[in-house]
mmCIF file of all heavy atoms, coordinates in Angstrom:
data_MODEL
# 
_entry.id   MODEL 
# 
loop_
_atom_site.group_PDB 
_atom_site.id 
_atom_site.type_symbol 
_atom_site.label_atom_id 
_atom_site.label_alt_id 
_atom_site.label_comp_id 
_atom_site.label_asym_id 
_atom_site.label_entity_id 
_atom_site.label_seq_id 
_atom_site.pdbx_PDB_ins_code 
_atom_site.Cartn_x 
_atom_site.Cartn_y 
_atom_site.Cartn_z 
_atom_site.occupancy 
_atom_site.B_iso_or_equiv 
_atom_site.pdbx_formal_charge 
_atom_site.auth_seq_id 
_atom_site.auth_comp_id 
_atom_site.auth_asym_id 
_atom_site.auth_atom_id 
_atom_site.pdbx_PDB_model_num 
ATOM 1   N N   . VAL A 1 1  ? -5.733 0.559  6.036   1.00 0.00 ? 1  VAL A N   1 
ATOM 2   C CA  . VAL A 1 1  ? -5.989 0.155  4.649   1.00 0.00 ? 1  VAL A CA  1 
ATOM 3   C C   . VAL A 1 1  ? -6.107 1.387  3.753   1.00 0.00 ? 1  VAL A C   1 
ATOM 4   O O   . VAL A 1 1  ? -5.520 1.447  2.656   1.00 0.00 ? 1  VAL A O   1 
ATOM 5   C CB  . VAL A 1 1  ? -7.267 -0.709 4.563   1.00 0.00 ? 1  VAL A CB  1 
ATOM 6   C CG1 . VAL A 1 1  ? -7.733 -0.830 3.115   1.00 0.00 ? 1  VAL A CG1 1 
ATOM 7   C CG2 . VAL A 1 1  ? -7.019 -2.082 5.170   1.00 0.00 ? 1  VAL A CG2 1 
ATOM 8   N N   . THR A 1 2  ? -6.854 2.378  4.212   1.00 0.00 ? 2  THR A N   1 
ATOM 9   C CA  . THR A 1 2  ? -7.020 3.606  3.427   1.00 0.00 ? 2  THR A CA  1 
ATOM 10  C C   . THR A 1 2  ? -5.676 4.260  3.131   1.00 0.00 ? 2  THR A C   1 
ATOM 11  O O   . THR A 1 2  ? -5.414 4.701  1.999   1.00 0.00 ? 2  THR A O   1 
ATOM 12  C CB  . THR A 1 2  ? -7.923 4.597  4.177   1.00 0.00 ? 2  THR A CB  1 
ATOM 13  O OG1 . THR A 1 2  ? -9.188 3.982  4.427   1.00 0.00 ? 2  THR A OG1 1 
ATOM 14  C CG2 . THR A 1 2  ? -8.116 5.872  3.379   1.00 0.00 ? 2  THR A CG2 1 
ATOM 15  N N   . ALA A 1 3  ? -4.821 4.322  4.142   1.00 0.00 ? 3  ALA A N   1 
ATOM 16  C CA  . ALA A 1 3  ? -3.514 4.967  3.963   1.00 0.00 ? 3  ALA A CA  1 
ATOM 17  C C   . ALA A 1 3  ? -2.607 4.138  3.057   1.00 0.00 ? 3  ALA A C   1 
ATOM 18  O O   . ALA A 1 3  ? -1.909 4.685  2.191   1.00 0.00 ? 3  ALA A O   1 
ATOM 19  C CB  . ALA A 1 3  ? -2.854 5.194  5.314   1.00 0.00 ? 3  ALA A CB  1 
ATOM 20  N N   . TYR A 1 4  ? -2.608 2.817  3.238   1.00 0.00 ? 4  TYR A N   1 
ATOM 21  C CA  . TYR A 1 4  ? -1.793 1.961  2.355   1.00 0.00 ? 4  TYR A CA  1 
ATOM 22  C C   . TYR A 1 4  ? -2.261 2.079  0.901   1.00 0.00 ? 4  TYR A C   1 
ATOM 23  O O   . TYR A 1 4  ? -1.450 2.084  -0.033  1.00 0.00 ? 4  TYR A O   1 
ATOM 24  C CB  . TYR A 1 4  ? -1.859 0.505  2.806   1.00 0.00 ? 4  TYR A CB  1 
ATOM 25  C CG  . TYR A 1 4  ? -0.951 0.166  3.955   1.00 0.00 ? 4  TYR A CG  1 
ATOM 26  C CD1 . TYR A 1 4  ? -1.447 -0.483 5.101   1.00 0.00 ? 4  TYR A CD1 1 
ATOM 27  C CD2 . TYR A 1 4  ? 0.409  0.445  3.902   1.00 0.00 ? 4  TYR A CD2 1 
ATOM 28  C CE1 . TYR A 1 4  ? -0.614 -0.813 6.159   1.00 0.00 ? 4  TYR A CE1 1 
ATOM 29  C CE2 . TYR A 1 4  ? 1.252  0.118  4.967   1.00 0.00 ? 4  TYR A CE2 1 
ATOM 30  C CZ  . TYR A 1 4  ? 0.738  -0.511 6.089   1.00 0.00 ? 4  TYR A CZ  1 
ATOM 31  O OH  . TYR A 1 4  ? 1.571  -0.846 7.137   1.00 0.00 ? 4  TYR A OH  1 
ATOM 32  N N   . GLU A 1 5  ? -3.566 2.153  0.720   1.00 0.00 ? 5  GLU A N   1 
ATOM 33  C CA  . GLU A 1 5  ? -4.092 2.312  -0.646  1.00 0.00 ? 5  GLU A CA  1 
ATOM 34  C C   . GLU A 1 5  ? -3.626 3.627  -1.266  1.00 0.00 ? 5  GLU A C   1 
ATOM 35  O O   . GLU A 1 5  ? -3.349 3.692  -2.476  1.00 0.00 ? 5  GLU A O   1 
ATOM 36  C CB  . GLU A 1 5  ? -5.621 2.230  -0.623  1.00 0.00 ? 5  GLU A CB  1 
ATOM 37  C CG  . GLU A 1 5  ? -6.151 0.823  -0.380  1.00 0.00 ? 5  GLU A CG  1 
ATOM 38  C CD  . GLU A 1 5  ? -7.662 0.766  -0.255  1.00 0.00 ? 5  GLU A CD  1 
ATOM 39  O OE1 . GLU A 1 5  ? -8.283 1.831  0.004   1.00 0.00 ? 5  GLU A OE1 1 
ATOM 40  O OE2 . GLU A 1 5  ? -8.235 -0.335 -0.403  1.00 0.00 ? 5  GLU A OE2 1 
ATOM 41  N N   . GLU A 1 6  ? -3.527 4.642  -0.448  1.00 0.00 ? 6  GLU A N   1 
ATOM 42  C CA  . GLU A 1 6  ? -3.062 5.933  -0.965  1.00 0.00 ? 6  GLU A CA  1 
ATOM 43  C C   . GLU A 1 6  ? -1.582 5.855  -1.357  1.00 0.00 ? 6  GLU A C   1 
ATOM 44  O O   . GLU A 1 6  ? -1.172 6.448  -2.357  1.00 0.00 ? 6  GLU A O   1 
ATOM 45  C CB  . GLU A 1 6  ? -3.282 7.023  0.084   1.00 0.00 ? 6  GLU A CB  1 
ATOM 46  C CG  . GLU A 1 6  ? -3.058 8.435  -0.417  1.00 0.00 ? 6  GLU A CG  1 
ATOM 47  C CD  . GLU A 1 6  ? -4.004 8.841  -1.531  1.00 0.00 ? 6  GLU A CD  1 
ATOM 48  O OE1 . GLU A 1 6  ? -5.124 8.292  -1.579  1.00 0.00 ? 6  GLU A OE1 1 
ATOM 49  O OE2 . GLU A 1 6  ? -3.627 9.711  -2.340  1.00 0.00 ? 6  GLU A OE2 1 
ATOM 50  N N   . VAL A 1 7  ? -0.792 5.137  -0.559  1.00 0.00 ? 7  VAL A N   1 
ATOM 51  C CA  . VAL A 1 7  ? 0.621  4.926  -0.925  1.00 0.00 ? 7  VAL A CA  1 
ATOM 52  C C   . VAL A 1 7  ? 0.707  4.293  -2.304  1.00 0.00 ? 7  VAL A C   1 
ATOM 53  O O   . VAL A 1 7  ? 1.469  4.748  -3.174  1.00 0.00 ? 7  VAL A O   1 
ATOM 54  C CB  . VAL A 1 7  ? 1.338  4.028  0.101   1.00 0.00 ? 7  VAL A CB  1 
ATOM 55  C CG1 . VAL A 1 7  ? 2.783  3.784  -0.344  1.00 0.00 ? 7  VAL A CG1 1 
ATOM 56  C CG2 . VAL A 1 7  ? 1.314  4.641  1.489   1.00 0.00 ? 7  VAL A CG2 1 
ATOM 57  N N   . LEU A 1 8  ? -0.077 3.241  -2.515  1.00 0.00 ? 8  LEU A N   1 
ATOM 58  C CA  . LEU A 1 8  ? -0.019 2.500  -3.774  1.00 0.00 ? 8  LEU A CA  1 
ATOM 59  C C   . LEU A 1 8  ? -0.610 3.291  -4.936  1.00 0.00 ? 8  LEU A C   1 
ATOM 60  O O   . LEU A 1 8  ? -0.228 3.070  -6.092  1.00 0.00 ? 8  LEU A O   1 
ATOM 61  C CB  . LEU A 1 8  ? -0.738 1.162  -3.618  1.00 0.00 ? 8  LEU A CB  1 
ATOM 62  C CG  . LEU A 1 8  ? -0.026 0.189  -2.656  1.00 0.00 ? 8  LEU A CG  1 
ATOM 63  C CD1 . LEU A 1 8  ? -0.924 -0.996 -2.327  1.00 0.00 ? 8  LEU A CD1 1 
ATOM 64  C CD2 . LEU A 1 8  ? 1.287  -0.288 -3.261  1.00 0.00 ? 8  LEU A CD2 1 
ATOM 65  N N   . ARG A 1 9  ? -1.512 4.212  -4.638  1.00 0.00 ? 9  ARG A N   1 
ATOM 66  C CA  . ARG A 1 9  ? -2.010 5.074  -5.703  1.00 0.00 ? 9  ARG A CA  1 
ATOM 67  C C   . ARG A 1 9  ? -0.882 5.982  -6.207  1.00 0.00 ? 9  ARG A C   1 
ATOM 68  O O   . ARG A 1 9  ? -0.739 6.215  -7.414  1.00 0.00 ? 9  ARG A O   1 
ATOM 69  C CB  . ARG A 1 9  ? -3.175 5.921  -5.199  1.00 0.00 ? 9  ARG A CB  1 
ATOM 70  C CG  . ARG A 1 9  ? -3.859 6.740  -6.290  1.00 0.00 ? 9  ARG A CG  1 
ATOM 71  C CD  . ARG A 1 9  ? -4.856 7.728  -5.721  1.00 0.00 ? 9  ARG A CD  1 
ATOM 72  N NE  . ARG A 1 9  ? -4.200 8.767  -4.931  1.00 0.00 ? 9  ARG A NE  1 
ATOM 73  C CZ  . ARG A 1 9  ? -3.583 9.833  -5.469  1.00 0.00 ? 9  ARG A CZ  1 
ATOM 74  N NH1 . ARG A 1 9  ? -3.518 9.972  -6.789  1.00 0.00 ? 9  ARG A NH1 1 
ATOM 75  N NH2 . ARG A 1 9  ? -3.028 10.736 -4.695  1.00 0.00 ? 9  ARG A NH2 1 
ATOM 76  N N   . ILE A 1 10 ? -0.076 6.484  -5.253  1.00 0.00 ? 10 ILE A N   1 
ATOM 77  C CA  . ILE A 1 10 ? 1.031  7.369  -5.617  1.00 0.00 ? 10 ILE A CA  1 
ATOM 78  C C   . ILE A 1 10 ? 2.192  6.575  -6.211  1.00 0.00 ? 10 ILE A C   1 
ATOM 79  O O   . ILE A 1 10 ? 2.804  6.985  -7.199  1.00 0.00 ? 10 ILE A O   1 
ATOM 80  C CB  . ILE A 1 10 ? 1.502  8.164  -4.373  1.00 0.00 ? 10 ILE A CB  1 
ATOM 81  C CG1 . ILE A 1 10 ? 0.356  9.045  -3.844  1.00 0.00 ? 10 ILE A CG1 1 
ATOM 82  C CG2 . ILE A 1 10 ? 2.726  9.017  -4.700  1.00 0.00 ? 10 ILE A CG2 1 
ATOM 83  C CD1 . ILE A 1 10 ? 0.639  9.645  -2.484  1.00 0.00 ? 10 ILE A CD1 1 
ATOM 84  N N   . ASN A 1 11 ? 2.475  5.421  -5.595  1.00 0.00 ? 11 ASN A N   1 
ATOM 85  C CA  . ASN A 1 11 ? 3.594  4.582  -6.052  1.00 0.00 ? 11 ASN A CA  1 
ATOM 86  C C   . ASN A 1 11 ? 3.137  3.134  -6.108  1.00 0.00 ? 11 ASN A C   1 
ATOM 87  O O   . ASN A 1 11 ? 3.248  2.404  -5.121  1.00 0.00 ? 11 ASN A O   1 
ATOM 88  C CB  . ASN A 1 11 ? 4.791  4.730  -5.111  1.00 0.00 ? 11 ASN A CB  1 
ATOM 89  C CG  . ASN A 1 11 ? 5.966  3.858  -5.520  1.00 0.00 ? 11 ASN A CG  1 
ATOM 90  O OD1 . ASN A 1 11 ? 5.965  3.246  -6.594  1.00 0.00 ? 11 ASN A OD1 1 
ATOM 91  N ND2 . ASN A 1 11 ? 6.988  3.785  -4.663  1.00 0.00 ? 11 ASN A ND2 1 
ATOM 92  N N   . PRO A 1 12 ? 2.644  2.681  -7.246  1.00 0.00 ? 12 PRO A N   1 
ATOM 93  C CA  . PRO A 1 12 ? 2.115  1.314  -7.371  1.00 0.00 ? 12 PRO A CA  1 
ATOM 94  C C   . PRO A 1 12 ? 3.163  0.225  -7.126  1.00 0.00 ? 12 PRO A C   1 
ATOM 95  O O   . PRO A 1 12 ? 2.791  -0.924 -6.884  1.00 0.00 ? 12 PRO A O   1 
ATOM 96  C CB  . PRO A 1 12 ? 1.620  1.259  -8.823  1.00 0.00 ? 12 PRO A CB  1 
ATOM 97  C CG  . PRO A 1 12 ? 1.406  2.679  -9.217  1.00 0.00 ? 12 PRO A CG  1 
ATOM 98  C CD  . PRO A 1 12 ? 2.454  3.456  -8.491  1.00 0.00 ? 12 PRO A CD  1 
ATOM 99  N N   . ASN A 1 13 ? 4.432  0.570  -7.157  1.00 0.00 ? 13 ASN A N   1 
ATOM 100 C CA  . ASN A 1 13 ? 5.496  -0.421 -6.966  1.00 0.00 ? 13 ASN A CA  1 
ATOM 101 C C   . ASN A 1 13 ? 6.015  -0.481 -5.534  1.00 0.00 ? 13 ASN A C   1 
ATOM 102 O O   . ASN A 1 13 ? 7.064  -1.084 -5.284  1.00 0.00 ? 13 ASN A O   1 
ATOM 103 C CB  . ASN A 1 13 ? 6.659  -0.107 -7.916  1.00 0.00 ? 13 ASN A CB  1 
ATOM 104 C CG  . ASN A 1 13 ? 6.244  -0.186 -9.375  1.00 0.00 ? 13 ASN A CG  1 
ATOM 105 O OD1 . ASN A 1 13 ? 5.524  -1.096 -9.773  1.00 0.00 ? 13 ASN A OD1 1 
ATOM 106 N ND2 . ASN A 1 13 ? 6.683  0.784  -10.168 1.00 0.00 ? 13 ASN A ND2 1 
ATOM 107 N N   . HIS A 1 14 ? 5.314  0.128  -4.610  1.00 0.00 ? 14 HIS A N   1 
ATOM 108 C CA  . HIS A 1 14 ? 5.754  0.164  -3.210  1.00 0.00 ? 14 HIS A CA  1 
ATOM 109 C C   . HIS A 1 14 ? 5.450  -1.191 -2.554  1.00 0.00 ? 14 HIS A C   1 
ATOM 110 O O   . HIS A 1 14 ? 4.336  -1.439 -2.093  1.00 0.00 ? 14 HIS A O   1 
ATOM 111 C CB  . HIS A 1 14 ? 5.049  1.293  -2.471  1.00 0.00 ? 14 HIS A CB  1 
ATOM 112 C CG  . HIS A 1 14 ? 5.733  1.736  -1.216  1.00 0.00 ? 14 HIS A CG  1 
ATOM 113 N ND1 . HIS A 1 14 ? 5.941  0.894  -0.149  1.00 0.00 ? 14 HIS A ND1 1 
ATOM 114 C CD2 . HIS A 1 14 ? 6.266  2.945  -0.866  1.00 0.00 ? 14 HIS A CD2 1 
ATOM 115 C CE1 . HIS A 1 14 ? 6.545  1.560  0.826   1.00 0.00 ? 14 HIS A CE1 1 
ATOM 116 N NE2 . HIS A 1 14 ? 6.757  2.803  0.414   1.00 0.00 ? 14 HIS A NE2 1 
ATOM 117 N N   . GLY A 1 15 ? 6.455  -2.055 -2.503  1.00 0.00 ? 15 GLY A N   1 
ATOM 118 C CA  . GLY A 1 15 ? 6.244  -3.412 -2.005  1.00 0.00 ? 15 GLY A CA  1 
ATOM 119 C C   . GLY A 1 15 ? 5.841  -3.474 -0.548  1.00 0.00 ? 15 GLY A C   1 
ATOM 120 O O   . GLY A 1 15 ? 4.974  -4.280 -0.168  1.00 0.00 ? 15 GLY A O   1 
ATOM 121 N N   . GLU A 1 16 ? 6.451  -2.661 0.299   1.00 0.00 ? 16 GLU A N   1 
ATOM 122 C CA  . GLU A 1 16 ? 6.116  -2.682 1.730   1.00 0.00 ? 16 GLU A CA  1 
ATOM 123 C C   . GLU A 1 16 ? 4.673  -2.256 1.958   1.00 0.00 ? 16 GLU A C   1 
ATOM 124 O O   . GLU A 1 16 ? 3.989  -2.814 2.841   1.00 0.00 ? 16 GLU A O   1 
ATOM 125 C CB  . GLU A 1 16 ? 7.069  -1.772 2.503   1.00 0.00 ? 16 GLU A CB  1 
ATOM 126 C CG  . GLU A 1 16 ? 8.495  -2.280 2.586   1.00 0.00 ? 16 GLU A CG  1 
ATOM 127 C CD  . GLU A 1 16 ? 9.372  -1.340 3.391   1.00 0.00 ? 16 GLU A CD  1 
ATOM 128 O OE1 . GLU A 1 16 ? 9.858  -0.352 2.814   1.00 0.00 ? 16 GLU A OE1 1 
ATOM 129 O OE2 . GLU A 1 16 ? 9.545  -1.593 4.594   1.00 0.00 ? 16 GLU A OE2 1 
ATOM 130 N N   . ALA A 1 17 ? 4.213  -1.292 1.184   1.00 0.00 ? 17 ALA A N   1 
ATOM 131 C CA  . ALA A 1 17 ? 2.814  -0.865 1.317   1.00 0.00 ? 17 ALA A CA  1 
ATOM 132 C C   . ALA A 1 17 ? 1.879  -1.972 0.864   1.00 0.00 ? 17 ALA A C   1 
ATOM 133 O O   . ALA A 1 17 ? 0.818  -2.198 1.473   1.00 0.00 ? 17 ALA A O   1 
ATOM 134 C CB  . ALA A 1 17 ? 2.578  0.397  0.502   1.00 0.00 ? 17 ALA A CB  1 
ATOM 135 N N   . ARG A 1 18 ? 2.250  -2.683 -0.169  1.00 0.00 ? 18 ARG A N   1 
ATOM 136 C CA  . ARG A 1 18 ? 1.423  -3.803 -0.652  1.00 0.00 ? 18 ARG A CA  1 
ATOM 137 C C   . ARG A 1 18 ? 1.321  -4.887 0.425   1.00 0.00 ? 18 ARG A C   1 
ATOM 138 O O   . ARG A 1 18 ? 0.245  -5.435 0.676   1.00 0.00 ? 18 ARG A O   1 
ATOM 139 C CB  . ARG A 1 18 ? 1.996  -4.382 -1.948  1.00 0.00 ? 18 ARG A CB  1 
ATOM 140 C CG  . ARG A 1 18 ? 1.035  -5.296 -2.690  1.00 0.00 ? 18 ARG A CG  1 
ATOM 141 C CD  . ARG A 1 18 ? 1.545  -5.574 -4.093  1.00 0.00 ? 18 ARG A CD  1 
ATOM 142 N NE  . ARG A 1 18 ? 1.634  -4.348 -4.887  1.00 0.00 ? 18 ARG A NE  1 
ATOM 143 C CZ  . ARG A 1 18 ? 0.597  -3.743 -5.427  1.00 0.00 ? 18 ARG A CZ  1 
ATOM 144 N NH1 . ARG A 1 18 ? -0.629 -4.238 -5.274  1.00 0.00 ? 18 ARG A NH1 1 
ATOM 145 N NH2 . ARG A 1 18 ? 0.764  -2.632 -6.143  1.00 0.00 ? 18 ARG A NH2 1 
ATOM 146 N N   . ASN A 1 19 ? 2.454  -5.179 1.083   1.00 0.00 ? 19 ASN A N   1 
ATOM 147 C CA  . ASN A 1 19 ? 2.434  -6.171 2.171   1.00 0.00 ? 19 ASN A CA  1 
ATOM 148 C C   . ASN A 1 19 ? 1.600  -5.678 3.345   1.00 0.00 ? 19 ASN A C   1 
ATOM 149 O O   . ASN A 1 19 ? 0.853  -6.465 3.956   1.00 0.00 ? 19 ASN A O   1 
ATOM 150 C CB  . ASN A 1 19 ? 3.858  -6.466 2.616   1.00 0.00 ? 19 ASN A CB  1 
ATOM 151 C CG  . ASN A 1 19 ? 4.683  -7.174 1.562   1.00 0.00 ? 19 ASN A CG  1 
ATOM 152 O OD1 . ASN A 1 19 ? 4.134  -7.834 0.679   1.00 0.00 ? 19 ASN A OD1 1 
ATOM 153 N ND2 . ASN A 1 19 ? 5.998  -7.043 1.642   1.00 0.00 ? 19 ASN A ND2 1 
ATOM 154 N N   . GLY A 1 20 ? 1.745  -4.394 3.665   1.00 0.00 ? 20 GLY A N   1 
ATOM 155 C CA  . GLY A 1 20 ? 0.969  -3.826 4.762   1.00 0.00 ? 20 GLY A CA  1 
ATOM 156 C C   . GLY A 1 20 ? -0.518 -3.855 4.483   1.00 0.00 ? 20 GLY A C   1 
ATOM 157 O O   . GLY A 1 20 ? -1.329 -4.128 5.367   1.00 0.00 ? 20 GLY A O   1 
ATOM 158 N N   . LEU A 1 21 ? -0.875 -3.599 3.235   1.00 0.00 ? 21 LEU A N   1 
ATOM 159 C CA  . LEU A 1 21 ? -2.287 -3.642 2.851   1.00 0.00 ? 21 LEU A CA  1 
ATOM 160 C C   . LEU A 1 21 ? -2.840 -5.053 3.003   1.00 0.00 ? 21 LEU A C   1 
ATOM 161 O O   . LEU A 1 21 ? -3.961 -5.238 3.510   1.00 0.00 ? 21 LEU A O   1 
ATOM 162 C CB  . LEU A 1 21 ? -2.428 -3.171 1.404   1.00 0.00 ? 21 LEU A CB  1 
ATOM 163 C CG  . LEU A 1 21 ? -3.838 -3.185 0.824   1.00 0.00 ? 21 LEU A CG  1 
ATOM 164 C CD1 . LEU A 1 21 ? -4.773 -2.282 1.624   1.00 0.00 ? 21 LEU A CD1 1 
ATOM 165 C CD2 . LEU A 1 21 ? -3.812 -2.753 -0.651  1.00 0.00 ? 21 LEU A CD2 1 
ATOM 166 N N   . ALA A 1 22 ? -2.051 -6.034 2.626   1.00 0.00 ? 22 ALA A N   1 
ATOM 167 C CA  . ALA A 1 22 ? -2.487 -7.418 2.762   1.00 0.00 ? 22 ALA A CA  1 
ATOM 168 C C   . ALA A 1 22 ? -2.694 -7.784 4.221   1.00 0.00 ? 22 ALA A C   1 
ATOM 169 O O   . ALA A 1 22 ? -3.687 -8.440 4.583   1.00 0.00 ? 22 ALA A O   1 
ATOM 170 C CB  . ALA A 1 22 ? -1.474 -8.356 2.107   1.00 0.00 ? 22 ALA A CB  1 
ATOM 171 N N   . ARG A 1 23 ? -1.787 -7.377 5.091   1.00 0.00 ? 23 ARG A N   1 
ATOM 172 C CA  . ARG A 1 23 ? -1.922 -7.675 6.523   1.00 0.00 ? 23 ARG A CA  1 
ATOM 173 C C   . ARG A 1 23 ? -3.142 -7.003 7.103   1.00 0.00 ? 23 ARG A C   1 
ATOM 174 O O   . ARG A 1 23 ? -3.909 -7.604 7.879   1.00 0.00 ? 23 ARG A O   1 
ATOM 175 C CB  . ARG A 1 23 ? -0.679 -7.200 7.280   1.00 0.00 ? 23 ARG A CB  1 
ATOM 176 C CG  . ARG A 1 23 ? 0.587  -7.985 7.039   1.00 0.00 ? 23 ARG A CG  1 
ATOM 177 C CD  . ARG A 1 23 ? 1.656  -7.600 8.066   1.00 0.00 ? 23 ARG A CD  1 
ATOM 178 N NE  . ARG A 1 23 ? 1.909  -6.148 8.095   1.00 0.00 ? 23 ARG A NE  1 
ATOM 179 C CZ  . ARG A 1 23 ? 2.815  -5.534 7.345   1.00 0.00 ? 23 ARG A CZ  1 
ATOM 180 N NH1 . ARG A 1 23 ? 3.558  -6.254 6.497   1.00 0.00 ? 23 ARG A NH1 1 
ATOM 181 N NH2 . ARG A 1 23 ? 2.997  -4.234 7.427   1.00 0.00 ? 23 ARG A NH2 1 
ATOM 182 N N   . SER A 1 24 ? -3.339 -5.736 6.770   1.00 0.00 ? 24 SER A N   1 
ATOM 183 C CA  . SER A 1 24 ? -4.417 -4.947 7.377   1.00 0.00 ? 24 SER A CA  1 
ATOM 184 C C   . SER A 1 24 ? -5.787 -5.300 6.837   1.00 0.00 ? 24 SER A C   1 
ATOM 185 O O   . SER A 1 24 ? -6.810 -4.959 7.455   1.00 0.00 ? 24 SER A O   1 
ATOM 186 C CB  . SER A 1 24 ? -4.146 -3.443 7.158   1.00 0.00 ? 24 SER A CB  1 
ATOM 187 O OG  . SER A 1 24 ? -2.919 -3.065 7.749   1.00 0.00 ? 24 SER A OG  1 
# 
């Protein structure tokens, strides 16, 4: 979750990271 949140902080439009965050 921490890492996915960092992805989205850098790129808020990263769809795969958003899905990964939801799963995790």
